[in-house]
Amino acid sequence: MRYFTLLICIVLSGTLSAHEKPAAFLEDILQKYPNVRDLALNESEAYFTAQSPLGEVSVIMVSRKIRNKWRKPKIAAFSGSYGDLEPFLSLDGKRLYFASNRPLNTDDTAVKDYDLWMVKRDDPKSKWSDPINLGNDINTEHNEFYPSLTSSGTLYFTSDRPGSKGKDDIFFSTKRGQGFSPPISLSDSINTSGYEFNAFIAPDESYLLFSGYNRADGLGSGDLYIAYRQDDQTWSQAKNLGADFNSKQMDYCPYVDVQAQTLYFTSRRSDVDYKPGGFSTTETLMRELNKSSNGQSRLYRVHFYVGN
């Protein structure tokens, strides 16, 4: 499988871009899944979510790179029994954070609202622990989604809790001992009366990528946006990443491999269409319907660099 990349150089004064498009990631091994979304990876592991068409089933999967080739995904050891999604790997690979509707008590089987959880291990080759709920510092009786952490341990996440500026807000909470400080909704340069969600925070907290739904400057139902940390520690006005990234459909779940200067994201983009002369055989019809960019959730990647 050949992957094309797009070099996007983003600087504080504007955006410079080439004119190639984001490419499907792991298309050859993910094609058989109805929907795949959100990604976290390092040099040897790639975690993502596999979902049923309507999202009733949501399971975190892992593919491992062996001899420079990504292998057939397997269900992550801690997933498969409840609605799990949106994995995030710590920089050292020793912790993985995710959202889940699993019960707090292992003796209970009833699902609940979505909380943030984590698993941990001694080193990247060790087994994961049992899932650990992040506790009342972060989780509420409402939903918490899409964890992302800085190198200093500050947690960014999405929630629909009361007191939000809109339907979904992006919150942050700093590390405090073994727990976290009370979460704070980001300013109105990012959060609006609508939906802001799926935030990726740069390890040095210099920029924030997130998804915005049906914004006035949007290109599709959901778009990717960027905001910068300014000298006074406030956030700049969020800016749409534009047509080089965003499609007419839903684009969401950004994740940046900073070392590799690569942005991964989920998209429901589609270029399925009638061909000149139409379809004369079932084979040609099915080939068109089953192509990667057919409106189902798929993973994409693009070269990404944020300059000074």
Protein backbone atom coordinates (compact mmCIF):
# COMPACT_ATOMS: atom_id res chain seq x y z
CA MET A 1 0.00 0.00 0.00
CA ARG A 2 1.42 3.35 -0.99
CA TYR A 3 0.73 6.32 1.25
CA PHE A 4 0.91 9.92 0.09
CA THR A 5 1.59 12.65 2.62
CA LEU A 6 0.82 16.31 2.71
CA LEU A 7 3.25 18.77 4.26
CA ILE A 8 1.40 21.35 6.29
CA CYS A 9 3.52 24.07 7.89
CA ILE A 10 1.50 25.97 10.44
CA VAL A 11 2.95 29.15 11.89
CA LEU A 12 1.45 31.75 14.13
CA SER A 13 0.92 34.12 11.24
CA GLY A 14 -0.94 31.68 8.99
CA THR A 15 -1.01 28.33 7.24
CA LEU A 16 1.19 27.16 4.37
CA SER A 17 0.23 23.98 2.61
CA ALA A 18 0.86 21.79 -0.39
CA HIS A 19 -2.07 20.50 -2.41
CA GLU A 20 -2.03 16.76 -1.86
CA LYS A 21 -4.70 15.20 0.31
CA PRO A 22 -4.59 13.19 3.54
CA ALA A 23 -4.08 9.47 2.94
CA ALA A 24 -5.87 6.49 4.44
CA PHE A 25 -3.87 4.90 7.28
CA LEU A 26 -3.57 1.10 7.48
CA GLU A 27 -6.19 0.83 4.77
CA ASP A 28 -5.24 -2.75 3.93
CA ILE A 29 -5.84 -4.13 7.44
CA LEU A 30 -8.68 -1.83 8.61
CA GLN A 31 -10.88 -2.03 5.51
CA LYS A 32 -12.92 -4.96 6.82
CA TYR A 33 -14.13 -3.05 9.91
CA PRO A 34 -17.47 -1.22 9.54
CA ASN A 35 -16.14 1.83 11.41
CA VAL A 36 -12.73 2.63 12.88
CA ARG A 37 -11.93 5.82 14.75
CA ASP A 38 -9.49 7.57 17.11
CA LEU A 39 -5.86 6.50 17.21
CA ALA A 40 -2.96 6.45 19.66
CA LEU A 41 0.37 4.96 18.72
CA ASN A 42 4.08 4.70 19.33
CA GLU A 43 6.85 3.02 17.34
CA SER A 44 5.57 -0.49 18.02
CA GLU A 45 1.85 -0.28 18.92
CA ALA A 46 -1.22 1.32 17.40
CA TYR A 47 -4.46 1.46 19.41
CA PHE A 48 -7.77 2.39 17.77
CA THR A 49 -11.51 1.88 18.25
CA ALA A 50 -13.56 -0.55 16.15
CA GLN A 51 -17.31 0.09 16.16
CA SER A 52 -20.49 -1.37 14.75
CA PRO A 53 -22.25 0.81 12.13
CA LEU A 54 -24.50 2.45 14.75
CA GLY A 55 -22.00 2.36 17.60
CA GLU A 56 -23.77 -0.21 19.79
CA VAL A 57 -20.48 -2.12 20.03
CA SER A 58 -17.26 -0.18 20.63
CA VAL A 59 -13.99 -2.01 21.32
CA ILE A 60 -10.37 -0.84 21.57
CA MET A 61 -8.05 -2.79 19.28
CA VAL A 62 -4.27 -2.98 19.06
CA SER A 63 -1.99 -3.63 16.10
CA ARG A 64 1.70 -4.28 16.71
CA LYS A 65 4.53 -3.47 14.36
CA ILE A 66 6.82 -6.45 13.82
CA ARG A 67 9.74 -6.25 11.41
CA ASN A 68 8.52 -2.86 10.24
CA LYS A 69 5.02 -4.13 9.35
CA TRP A 70 1.76 -3.52 11.18
CA ARG A 71 0.13 -6.83 12.02
CA LYS A 72 -3.48 -8.02 12.21
CA PRO A 73 -5.27 -6.14 15.03
CA LYS A 74 -6.40 -7.90 18.17
CA ILE A 75 -8.79 -6.85 20.93
CA ALA A 76 -6.84 -5.00 23.62
CA ALA A 77 -6.50 -7.08 26.80
CA PHE A 78 -8.59 -4.64 28.86
CA SER A 79 -11.39 -4.17 26.30
CA GLY A 80 -14.18 -6.18 24.68
CA SER A 81 -16.87 -6.39 27.38
CA TYR A 82 -18.16 -2.79 27.50
CA GLY A 83 -18.25 0.34 25.38
CA ASP A 84 -14.60 1.41 25.21
CA LEU A 85 -13.16 4.06 22.91
CA GLU A 86 -10.70 6.94 22.44
CA PRO A 87 -7.37 5.53 23.66
CA PHE A 88 -4.48 7.86 24.53
CA LEU A 89 -0.94 6.60 25.24
CA SER A 90 1.37 8.41 27.63
CA LEU A 91 4.70 9.49 26.16
CA ASP A 92 6.58 6.71 27.98
CA GLY A 93 4.03 4.08 26.90
CA LYS A 94 3.36 3.06 30.51
CA ARG A 95 -0.20 4.38 30.75
CA LEU A 96 -3.16 4.26 28.40
CA TYR A 97 -6.20 6.43 29.05
CA PHE A 98 -9.61 5.81 27.49
CA ALA A 99 -13.36 6.42 27.82
CA SER A 100 -15.69 3.63 28.91
CA ASN A 101 -19.23 3.02 30.13
CA ARG A 102 -18.13 0.03 32.22
CA PRO A 103 -19.46 -0.23 35.80
CA LEU A 104 -17.37 1.11 38.66
CA ASN A 105 -17.70 -2.13 40.59
CA THR A 106 -16.42 -5.33 39.00
CA ASP A 107 -19.29 -7.21 40.67
CA ASP A 108 -21.79 -5.13 38.71
CA THR A 109 -22.63 -5.69 35.05
CA ALA A 110 -24.85 -2.67 34.34
CA VAL A 111 -23.29 -0.03 32.09
CA LYS A 112 -23.25 3.62 33.18
CA ASP A 113 -22.38 6.98 31.69
CA TYR A 114 -18.96 7.33 30.07
CA ASP A 115 -16.04 7.95 32.45
CA LEU A 116 -12.32 8.31 31.88
CA TRP A 117 -10.24 5.28 32.83
CA MET A 118 -6.64 4.18 32.57
CA VAL A 119 -4.54 1.04 32.50
CA LYS A 120 -0.85 0.98 33.38
CA ARG A 121 2.20 -1.26 33.02
CA ASP A 122 5.81 -1.33 34.15
CA ASP A 123 7.19 -1.07 30.63
CA PRO A 124 5.90 -1.29 27.03
CA LYS A 125 6.49 -5.05 26.95
CA SER A 126 4.53 -5.77 30.15
CA LYS A 127 0.84 -6.63 30.44
CA TRP A 128 -1.70 -3.92 31.16
CA SER A 129 -3.25 -3.67 34.62
CA ASP A 130 -6.96 -3.92 35.25
CA PRO A 131 -8.74 -0.66 34.32
CA ILE A 132 -8.62 2.11 36.93
CA ASN A 133 -11.29 4.81 37.07
CA LEU A 134 -9.82 8.34 37.24
CA GLY A 135 -12.18 9.12 40.11
CA ASN A 136 -14.36 11.99 41.21
CA ASP A 137 -11.69 14.60 40.50
CA ILE A 138 -12.54 14.11 36.81
CA ASN A 139 -15.60 11.92 36.37
CA THR A 140 -19.20 12.91 37.05
CA GLU A 141 -22.64 11.38 36.57
CA HIS A 142 -22.47 12.89 33.09
CA ASN A 143 -20.17 11.87 30.22
CA GLU A 144 -16.42 12.35 29.97
CA PHE A 145 -14.64 11.54 26.71
CA TYR A 146 -11.40 11.79 24.73
CA PRO A 147 -8.50 12.12 27.21
CA SER A 148 -5.29 13.83 26.10
CA LEU A 149 -2.37 14.68 28.38
CA THR A 150 0.60 17.03 28.27
CA SER A 151 4.11 15.95 29.22
CA SER A 152 3.56 17.56 32.64
CA GLY A 153 0.37 15.55 33.24
CA THR A 154 -2.32 18.17 32.55
CA LEU A 155 -5.42 16.41 31.30
CA TYR A 156 -7.69 17.74 28.53
CA PHE A 157 -11.01 16.02 27.86
CA THR A 158 -14.58 16.48 26.60
CA SER A 159 -17.67 16.58 28.81
CA ASP A 160 -21.37 17.44 28.65
CA ARG A 161 -21.56 18.20 32.39
CA PRO A 162 -23.66 21.09 33.76
CA GLY A 163 -21.87 24.43 33.69
CA SER A 164 -20.54 23.87 30.19
CA LYS A 165 -20.71 26.74 27.73
CA GLY A 166 -22.44 24.53 25.17
CA LYS A 167 -23.60 21.01 24.40
CA ASP A 168 -20.06 19.58 24.68
CA ASP A 169 -17.11 21.52 26.08
CA ILE A 170 -13.38 20.91 26.29
CA PHE A 171 -12.05 20.96 29.86
CA PHE A 172 -8.60 20.84 31.38
CA SER A 173 -7.34 19.72 34.79
CA THR A 174 -3.80 19.93 36.15
CA LYS A 175 -2.03 17.12 37.93
CA ARG A 176 -2.29 17.44 41.71
CA GLY A 177 -0.50 14.75 43.73
CA GLN A 178 -2.13 11.44 42.86
CA GLY A 179 -5.21 13.19 41.47
CA PHE A 180 -6.29 16.22 39.48
CA SER A 181 -7.44 19.77 40.15
CA PRO A 182 -11.12 20.71 39.57
CA PRO A 183 -11.68 20.73 35.78
CA ILE A 184 -12.10 24.11 34.05
CA SER A 185 -13.91 24.72 30.77
CA LEU A 186 -11.68 26.36 28.17
CA SER A 187 -12.37 29.96 27.20
CA ASP A 188 -14.89 31.08 24.59
CA SER A 189 -12.06 31.41 22.07
CA ILE A 190 -12.47 27.62 21.85
CA ASN A 191 -15.75 26.57 23.49
CA THR A 192 -19.05 27.91 22.13
CA SER A 193 -22.75 27.30 22.69
CA GLY A 194 -22.46 24.31 20.35
CA TYR A 195 -20.26 21.23 20.29
CA GLU A 196 -16.48 21.29 20.84
CA PHE A 197 -14.92 17.89 21.43
CA ASN A 198 -12.06 15.44 20.74
CA ALA A 199 -9.18 17.72 21.76
CA PHE A 200 -5.55 16.77 21.28
CA ILE A 201 -3.16 18.86 23.37
CA ALA A 202 0.46 19.26 22.29
CA PRO A 203 2.88 17.70 24.83
CA ASP A 204 4.31 21.18 25.57
CA GLU A 205 0.78 22.67 25.62
CA SER A 206 1.69 25.08 22.78
CA TYR A 207 -1.33 24.26 20.62
CA LEU A 208 -4.67 22.50 20.79
CA LEU A 209 -6.39 20.60 17.98
CA PHE A 210 -10.07 19.79 18.34
CA SER A 211 -13.31 19.13 16.49
CA GLY A 212 -16.12 21.64 16.14
CA TYR A 213 -19.60 20.65 14.98
CA ASN A 214 -21.65 22.71 12.51
CA ARG A 215 -19.76 25.94 13.15
CA ALA A 216 -20.46 28.92 10.92
CA ASP A 217 -17.04 28.63 9.27
CA GLY A 218 -17.26 24.85 8.93
CA LEU A 219 -16.85 22.96 5.67
CA GLY A 220 -18.79 19.89 6.76
CA SER A 221 -20.77 18.56 9.70
CA GLY A 222 -17.61 18.49 11.82
CA ASP A 223 -14.24 20.15 11.20
CA LEU A 224 -10.77 20.19 12.71
CA TYR A 225 -9.64 23.44 14.39
CA ILE A 226 -6.41 24.70 15.95
CA ALA A 227 -5.76 27.21 18.74
CA TYR A 228 -2.39 28.43 20.06
CA ARG A 229 -1.20 29.11 23.58
CA GLN A 230 -0.28 32.80 23.68
CA ASP A 231 2.41 34.58 25.68
CA ASP A 232 -0.12 35.58 28.35
CA GLN A 233 -1.15 31.88 28.66
CA THR A 234 -4.56 32.46 27.10
CA TRP A 235 -5.72 30.64 23.97
CA SER A 236 -5.89 32.30 20.56
CA GLN A 237 -9.14 32.31 18.65
CA ALA A 238 -9.62 28.85 17.18
CA LYS A 239 -9.02 28.62 13.44
CA ASN A 240 -10.48 26.13 10.98
CA LEU A 241 -7.70 24.03 9.42
CA GLY A 242 -9.29 24.45 6.02
CA ALA A 243 -9.95 22.27 3.01
CA ASP A 244 -6.49 20.68 3.03
CA PHE A 245 -7.68 18.73 6.07
CA ASN A 246 -11.44 19.03 6.33
CA SER A 247 -14.05 17.52 4.04
CA LYS A 248 -17.76 18.04 3.46
CA GLN A 249 -18.42 15.25 5.95
CA MET A 250 -17.33 14.64 9.56
CA ASP A 251 -13.64 15.09 10.46
CA TYR A 252 -12.72 14.46 14.08
CA CYS A 253 -10.47 12.68 16.63
CA PRO A 254 -7.10 14.38 15.94
CA TYR A 255 -3.91 12.83 17.27
CA VAL A 256 -0.36 14.06 16.54
CA ASP A 257 2.79 11.97 16.56
CA VAL A 258 5.03 14.94 17.32
CA GLN A 259 8.31 13.15 16.67
CA ALA A 260 7.16 11.86 13.29
CA GLN A 261 5.43 15.20 12.49
CA THR A 262 2.28 13.33 11.52
CA LEU A 263 -1.35 14.16 12.22
CA TYR A 264 -3.79 11.26 12.36
CA PHE A 265 -7.52 11.84 12.40
CA THR A 266 -10.85 10.16 11.73
CA SER A 267 -13.03 11.10 8.78
CA ARG A 268 -16.30 10.04 7.22
CA ARG A 269 -15.35 11.58 3.88
CA SER A 270 -16.63 9.93 0.72
CA ASP A 271 -15.76 10.04 -2.95
CA VAL A 272 -18.14 7.23 -3.93
CA ASP A 273 -19.92 8.17 -7.16
CA TYR A 274 -21.26 6.90 -10.44
CA LYS A 275 -18.59 6.28 -13.03
CA PRO A 276 -18.89 7.24 -16.71
CA GLY A 277 -21.26 4.75 -18.23
CA GLY A 278 -22.54 3.59 -14.84
CA PHE A 279 -22.01 0.12 -13.36
CA SER A 280 -22.34 -2.86 -15.67
CA THR A 281 -21.27 -5.59 -13.23
CA THR A 282 -21.78 -6.38 -9.57
CA GLU A 283 -18.00 -6.52 -9.14
CA THR A 284 -17.44 -2.94 -10.28
CA LEU A 285 -20.35 -1.73 -8.13
CA MET A 286 -19.03 -3.48 -5.01
CA ARG A 287 -15.52 -2.21 -5.65
CA GLU A 288 -16.84 1.34 -5.61
CA LEU A 289 -19.07 0.81 -2.57
CA ASN A 290 -16.30 -0.85 -0.55
CA LYS A 291 -13.53 1.65 -1.22
CA SER A 292 -11.93 3.19 1.85
CA SER A 293 -13.40 6.66 1.43
CA ASN A 294 -17.04 5.55 1.33
CA GLY A 295 -18.55 7.58 4.17
CA GLN A 296 -17.72 5.14 6.97
CA SER A 297 -15.34 6.21 9.71
CA ARG A 298 -11.75 5.67 8.61
CA LEU A 299 -8.30 6.73 9.82
CA TYR A 300 -6.24 9.21 7.82
CA ARG A 301 -2.76 10.65 8.18
CA VAL A 302 -0.98 13.74 6.92
CA HIS A 303 2.44 15.27 7.57
CA PHE A 304 2.04 18.05 10.13
CA TYR A 305 4.44 20.61 11.52
CA VAL A 306 3.80 23.50 13.88
CA GLY A 307 6.54 26.14 13.62
CA ASN A 308 7.60 28.93 15.94
